[in-house]
């Protein structure tokens, strides 16, 4: 078998390799989240993950919004309205507790 750089392997070639070795490629059908939310008590950390999420924050959150690293620190009383707005705009929010 010859070596092909990973970036040049087509999906069909990858499927052929998997079938030769009896492997099953796992592909997630779940859409990837745009935001992660972490409840820290009176403050909720809203972390944008995707470029679309970052653009949404730039458009809708105030410039002086408190930050904690990459996350926006949102008062808990406002987070439900913000999440409703995110979801209305088609963005996906997850609560990753790992």
N, C-alpha and C. Protein backbone atom coordinates (compact mmCIF):
# COMPACT_ATOMS: atom_id res chain seq x y z
N UNK A 1 0.84 -1.17 0.00
CA UNK A 1 0.00 0.00 0.00
C UNK A 1 0.89 1.23 0.00
N UNK A 2 0.55 2.23 -0.79
CA UNK A 2 1.32 3.46 -0.87
C UNK A 2 0.83 4.46 0.15
N UNK A 3 1.67 5.41 0.45
CA UNK A 3 1.34 6.42 1.45
C UNK A 3 0.83 7.68 0.76
N UNK A 4 -0.33 8.15 1.18
CA UNK A 4 -0.90 9.40 0.69
C UNK A 4 -1.08 10.32 1.88
N UNK A 5 -0.65 11.57 1.78
CA UNK A 5 -0.86 12.49 2.90
C UNK A 5 -2.34 12.55 3.27
N UNK A 6 -2.63 12.68 4.56
CA UNK A 6 -4.01 12.64 5.06
C UNK A 6 -4.91 13.68 4.40
N UNK A 7 -4.37 14.83 4.08
CA UNK A 7 -5.21 15.87 3.50
C UNK A 7 -5.61 15.58 2.06
N UNK A 8 -5.04 14.52 1.44
CA UNK A 8 -5.38 14.19 0.07
C UNK A 8 -6.24 12.93 -0.05
N UNK A 9 -6.60 12.33 1.07
CA UNK A 9 -7.44 11.14 1.04
C UNK A 9 -8.88 11.56 0.85
N UNK A 10 -9.50 11.02 -0.19
CA UNK A 10 -10.89 11.37 -0.46
C UNK A 10 -11.81 10.57 0.45
N UNK A 11 -13.05 11.02 0.64
CA UNK A 11 -13.98 10.24 1.45
C UNK A 11 -14.19 8.83 0.91
N UNK A 12 -14.19 8.67 -0.43
CA UNK A 12 -14.37 7.34 -1.01
C UNK A 12 -13.18 6.44 -0.68
N UNK A 13 -11.97 7.00 -0.72
CA UNK A 13 -10.78 6.21 -0.39
C UNK A 13 -10.79 5.82 1.08
N UNK A 14 -11.20 6.74 1.94
CA UNK A 14 -11.27 6.44 3.36
C UNK A 14 -12.28 5.33 3.62
N UNK A 15 -13.43 5.40 2.95
CA UNK A 15 -14.46 4.36 3.12
C UNK A 15 -13.93 3.01 2.66
N UNK A 16 -13.16 3.00 1.58
CA UNK A 16 -12.59 1.75 1.07
C UNK A 16 -11.62 1.16 2.09
N UNK A 17 -10.78 1.98 2.68
CA UNK A 17 -9.83 1.50 3.68
C UNK A 17 -10.57 0.94 4.89
N UNK A 18 -11.60 1.66 5.33
CA UNK A 18 -12.38 1.18 6.47
C UNK A 18 -13.02 -0.17 6.15
N UNK A 19 -13.56 -0.31 4.93
CA UNK A 19 -14.23 -1.57 4.61
C UNK A 19 -13.25 -2.72 4.48
N UNK A 20 -12.04 -2.47 3.99
CA UNK A 20 -11.03 -3.51 3.85
C UNK A 20 -10.66 -4.07 5.22
N UNK A 21 -10.55 -3.21 6.20
CA UNK A 21 -10.16 -3.65 7.53
C UNK A 21 -11.35 -3.96 8.44
N UNK A 22 -12.56 -3.88 7.90
CA UNK A 22 -13.75 -4.20 8.68
C UNK A 22 -14.06 -3.19 9.75
N UNK A 23 -13.64 -1.97 9.54
CA UNK A 23 -13.88 -0.92 10.52
C UNK A 23 -15.13 -0.14 10.13
N UNK A 24 -15.73 0.48 11.09
CA UNK A 24 -16.89 1.32 10.84
C UNK A 24 -16.52 2.75 11.22
N UNK A 25 -16.66 3.63 10.27
CA UNK A 25 -16.37 5.04 10.55
C UNK A 25 -17.56 5.64 11.27
N UNK A 26 -17.29 6.27 12.41
CA UNK A 26 -18.35 6.91 13.17
C UNK A 26 -18.42 8.37 12.76
N UNK A 27 -19.56 8.74 12.25
CA UNK A 27 -19.77 10.13 11.89
C UNK A 27 -20.92 10.66 12.74
N UNK A 28 -20.70 11.75 13.39
CA UNK A 28 -21.72 12.34 14.22
C UNK A 28 -22.76 13.02 13.34
N UNK A 29 -24.01 12.72 13.62
CA UNK A 29 -25.08 13.40 12.89
C UNK A 29 -25.57 14.61 13.68
N UNK A 30 -25.09 14.75 14.90
CA UNK A 30 -25.47 15.91 15.70
C UNK A 30 -24.71 17.14 15.22
N UNK A 31 -25.42 18.26 15.09
CA UNK A 31 -24.72 19.49 14.72
C UNK A 31 -23.80 19.93 15.87
N UNK A 32 -22.73 20.56 15.52
CA UNK A 32 -21.77 21.03 16.54
C UNK A 32 -22.29 22.31 17.18
N UNK A 33 -22.07 22.44 18.49
CA UNK A 33 -22.58 23.64 19.17
C UNK A 33 -21.80 24.90 18.81
N UNK A 34 -22.50 26.02 18.87
CA UNK A 34 -21.88 27.32 18.64
C UNK A 34 -21.40 27.95 19.95
N UNK A 35 -22.11 27.63 21.04
CA UNK A 35 -21.80 28.20 22.35
C UNK A 35 -21.77 27.11 23.40
N UNK A 36 -20.98 27.34 24.43
CA UNK A 36 -21.02 26.53 25.63
C UNK A 36 -21.44 27.44 26.78
N UNK A 37 -22.33 26.92 27.63
CA UNK A 37 -22.81 27.68 28.78
C UNK A 37 -22.39 26.95 30.05
N UNK A 38 -21.86 27.70 31.00
CA UNK A 38 -21.46 27.13 32.28
C UNK A 38 -22.06 27.98 33.39
N UNK A 39 -22.94 27.36 34.17
CA UNK A 39 -23.60 28.07 35.27
C UNK A 39 -22.64 28.15 36.45
N UNK A 40 -22.26 29.37 36.82
CA UNK A 40 -21.35 29.57 37.94
C UNK A 40 -22.05 30.27 39.09
N UNK A 41 -23.35 30.05 39.22
CA UNK A 41 -24.12 30.67 40.30
C UNK A 41 -24.81 31.93 39.83
N UNK A 42 -24.43 33.06 40.36
CA UNK A 42 -25.07 34.32 39.97
C UNK A 42 -24.57 34.81 38.61
N UNK A 43 -23.50 34.20 38.13
CA UNK A 43 -22.94 34.52 36.82
C UNK A 43 -22.95 33.26 35.96
N UNK A 44 -23.29 33.44 34.69
CA UNK A 44 -23.25 32.33 33.73
C UNK A 44 -22.19 32.68 32.70
N UNK A 45 -21.30 31.73 32.44
CA UNK A 45 -20.25 31.95 31.44
C UNK A 45 -20.73 31.45 30.09
N UNK A 46 -20.73 32.33 29.13
CA UNK A 46 -21.17 32.04 27.77
C UNK A 46 -19.95 32.10 26.87
N UNK A 47 -19.52 30.93 26.39
CA UNK A 47 -18.30 30.87 25.58
C UNK A 47 -18.64 30.62 24.12
N UNK A 48 -18.31 31.56 23.23
CA UNK A 48 -18.53 31.34 21.81
C UNK A 48 -17.47 30.35 21.28
N UNK A 49 -17.92 29.40 20.48
CA UNK A 49 -17.02 28.37 19.95
C UNK A 49 -16.74 28.59 18.46
N UNK A 50 -17.78 28.90 17.72
CA UNK A 50 -17.65 29.02 16.26
C UNK A 50 -17.50 30.48 15.84
N UNK A 51 -17.04 30.70 14.61
CA UNK A 51 -16.98 32.07 14.10
C UNK A 51 -18.36 32.75 14.09
N UNK A 52 -19.42 31.99 13.80
CA UNK A 52 -20.77 32.55 13.82
C UNK A 52 -21.14 33.02 15.22
N UNK A 53 -20.73 32.26 16.22
CA UNK A 53 -21.01 32.64 17.61
C UNK A 53 -20.25 33.91 17.98
N UNK A 54 -19.01 34.00 17.57
CA UNK A 54 -18.21 35.19 17.87
C UNK A 54 -18.81 36.42 17.19
N UNK A 55 -19.30 36.25 15.97
CA UNK A 55 -19.92 37.36 15.26
C UNK A 55 -21.22 37.79 15.95
N UNK A 56 -21.98 36.80 16.44
CA UNK A 56 -23.22 37.10 17.16
C UNK A 56 -22.91 37.94 18.41
N UNK A 57 -21.91 37.53 19.15
CA UNK A 57 -21.52 38.26 20.36
C UNK A 57 -21.12 39.69 20.04
N UNK A 58 -20.36 39.84 18.98
CA UNK A 58 -19.89 41.17 18.60
C UNK A 58 -21.08 42.07 18.23
N UNK A 59 -22.10 41.46 17.61
CA UNK A 59 -23.26 42.24 17.19
C UNK A 59 -24.24 42.53 18.33
N UNK A 60 -24.45 41.56 19.22
CA UNK A 60 -25.53 41.69 20.19
C UNK A 60 -25.11 41.95 21.64
N UNK A 61 -23.92 41.60 22.03
CA UNK A 61 -23.50 41.84 23.41
C UNK A 61 -22.76 43.18 23.49
N UNK A 62 -22.92 43.88 24.61
CA UNK A 62 -22.24 45.18 24.72
C UNK A 62 -20.72 45.02 24.73
N UNK A 63 -20.04 46.02 24.19
CA UNK A 63 -18.58 45.97 24.12
C UNK A 63 -17.94 45.85 25.50
N UNK A 64 -18.58 46.44 26.51
CA UNK A 64 -18.01 46.42 27.86
C UNK A 64 -18.50 45.22 28.69
N UNK A 65 -19.08 44.24 28.04
CA UNK A 65 -19.54 43.04 28.75
C UNK A 65 -18.34 42.38 29.44
N UNK A 66 -18.54 42.02 30.71
CA UNK A 66 -17.45 41.40 31.48
C UNK A 66 -17.01 40.10 30.81
N UNK A 67 -15.72 39.84 30.86
CA UNK A 67 -15.15 38.62 30.26
C UNK A 67 -14.42 37.83 31.33
N UNK A 68 -14.40 36.55 31.11
CA UNK A 68 -13.61 35.63 31.94
C UNK A 68 -12.91 34.70 30.96
N UNK A 69 -11.68 35.02 30.60
CA UNK A 69 -10.99 34.29 29.54
C UNK A 69 -11.70 34.54 28.22
N UNK A 70 -12.06 33.46 27.53
CA UNK A 70 -12.79 33.59 26.26
C UNK A 70 -14.29 33.74 26.44
N UNK A 71 -14.77 33.51 27.67
CA UNK A 71 -16.20 33.53 27.95
C UNK A 71 -16.69 34.92 28.31
N UNK A 72 -17.96 35.14 28.03
CA UNK A 72 -18.64 36.35 28.48
C UNK A 72 -19.30 36.01 29.81
N UNK A 73 -19.15 36.88 30.80
CA UNK A 73 -19.76 36.67 32.11
C UNK A 73 -21.10 37.40 32.13
N UNK A 74 -22.17 36.61 32.13
CA UNK A 74 -23.52 37.15 32.03
C UNK A 74 -24.24 36.95 33.37
N UNK A 75 -24.93 37.98 33.84
CA UNK A 75 -25.74 37.81 35.04
C UNK A 75 -26.81 36.75 34.76
N UNK A 76 -27.04 35.88 35.74
CA UNK A 76 -27.96 34.76 35.56
C UNK A 76 -29.35 35.21 35.13
N UNK A 77 -29.80 36.36 35.59
CA UNK A 77 -31.15 36.83 35.25
C UNK A 77 -31.31 37.16 33.78
N UNK A 78 -30.21 37.35 33.05
CA UNK A 78 -30.29 37.70 31.63
C UNK A 78 -30.05 36.51 30.69
N UNK A 79 -29.55 35.42 31.20
CA UNK A 79 -29.09 34.35 30.30
C UNK A 79 -30.22 33.69 29.51
N UNK A 80 -31.40 33.54 30.10
CA UNK A 80 -32.52 32.90 29.38
C UNK A 80 -32.90 33.70 28.14
N UNK A 81 -32.97 35.02 28.28
CA UNK A 81 -33.28 35.86 27.13
C UNK A 81 -32.21 35.80 26.07
N UNK A 82 -30.96 35.74 26.49
CA UNK A 82 -29.85 35.65 25.54
C UNK A 82 -29.89 34.32 24.81
N UNK A 83 -30.11 33.23 25.53
CA UNK A 83 -30.18 31.92 24.89
C UNK A 83 -31.36 31.85 23.93
N UNK A 84 -32.50 32.44 24.31
CA UNK A 84 -33.64 32.48 23.39
C UNK A 84 -33.26 33.20 22.10
N UNK A 85 -32.54 34.31 22.22
CA UNK A 85 -32.09 35.04 21.04
C UNK A 85 -31.13 34.23 20.18
N UNK A 86 -30.21 33.53 20.83
CA UNK A 86 -29.26 32.69 20.10
C UNK A 86 -29.99 31.61 19.31
N UNK A 87 -30.91 30.94 19.98
CA UNK A 87 -31.64 29.86 19.32
C UNK A 87 -32.57 30.38 18.23
N UNK A 88 -33.16 31.56 18.44
CA UNK A 88 -33.99 32.16 17.40
C UNK A 88 -33.17 32.46 16.15
N UNK A 89 -31.89 32.75 16.36
CA UNK A 89 -30.99 33.03 15.23
C UNK A 89 -30.35 31.76 14.66
N UNK A 90 -30.78 30.59 15.15
CA UNK A 90 -30.31 29.33 14.59
C UNK A 90 -29.01 28.82 15.17
N UNK A 91 -28.54 29.42 16.26
CA UNK A 91 -27.30 28.97 16.88
C UNK A 91 -27.59 27.90 17.93
N UNK A 92 -26.62 27.04 18.16
CA UNK A 92 -26.79 25.90 19.06
C UNK A 92 -25.99 26.12 20.33
N UNK A 93 -26.65 25.90 21.46
CA UNK A 93 -26.03 26.10 22.77
C UNK A 93 -25.95 24.76 23.48
N UNK A 94 -24.80 24.49 24.10
CA UNK A 94 -24.63 23.27 24.88
C UNK A 94 -24.20 23.63 26.29
N UNK A 95 -24.43 22.69 27.18
CA UNK A 95 -23.99 22.84 28.56
C UNK A 95 -23.04 21.69 28.81
N UNK A 96 -21.79 21.88 28.49
CA UNK A 96 -20.77 20.83 28.61
C UNK A 96 -20.25 20.81 30.03
N UNK A 97 -20.56 19.76 30.74
CA UNK A 97 -20.12 19.67 32.15
C UNK A 97 -18.88 18.82 32.30
N UNK A 98 -18.19 18.53 31.22
CA UNK A 98 -17.00 17.68 31.33
C UNK A 98 -15.79 18.45 31.77
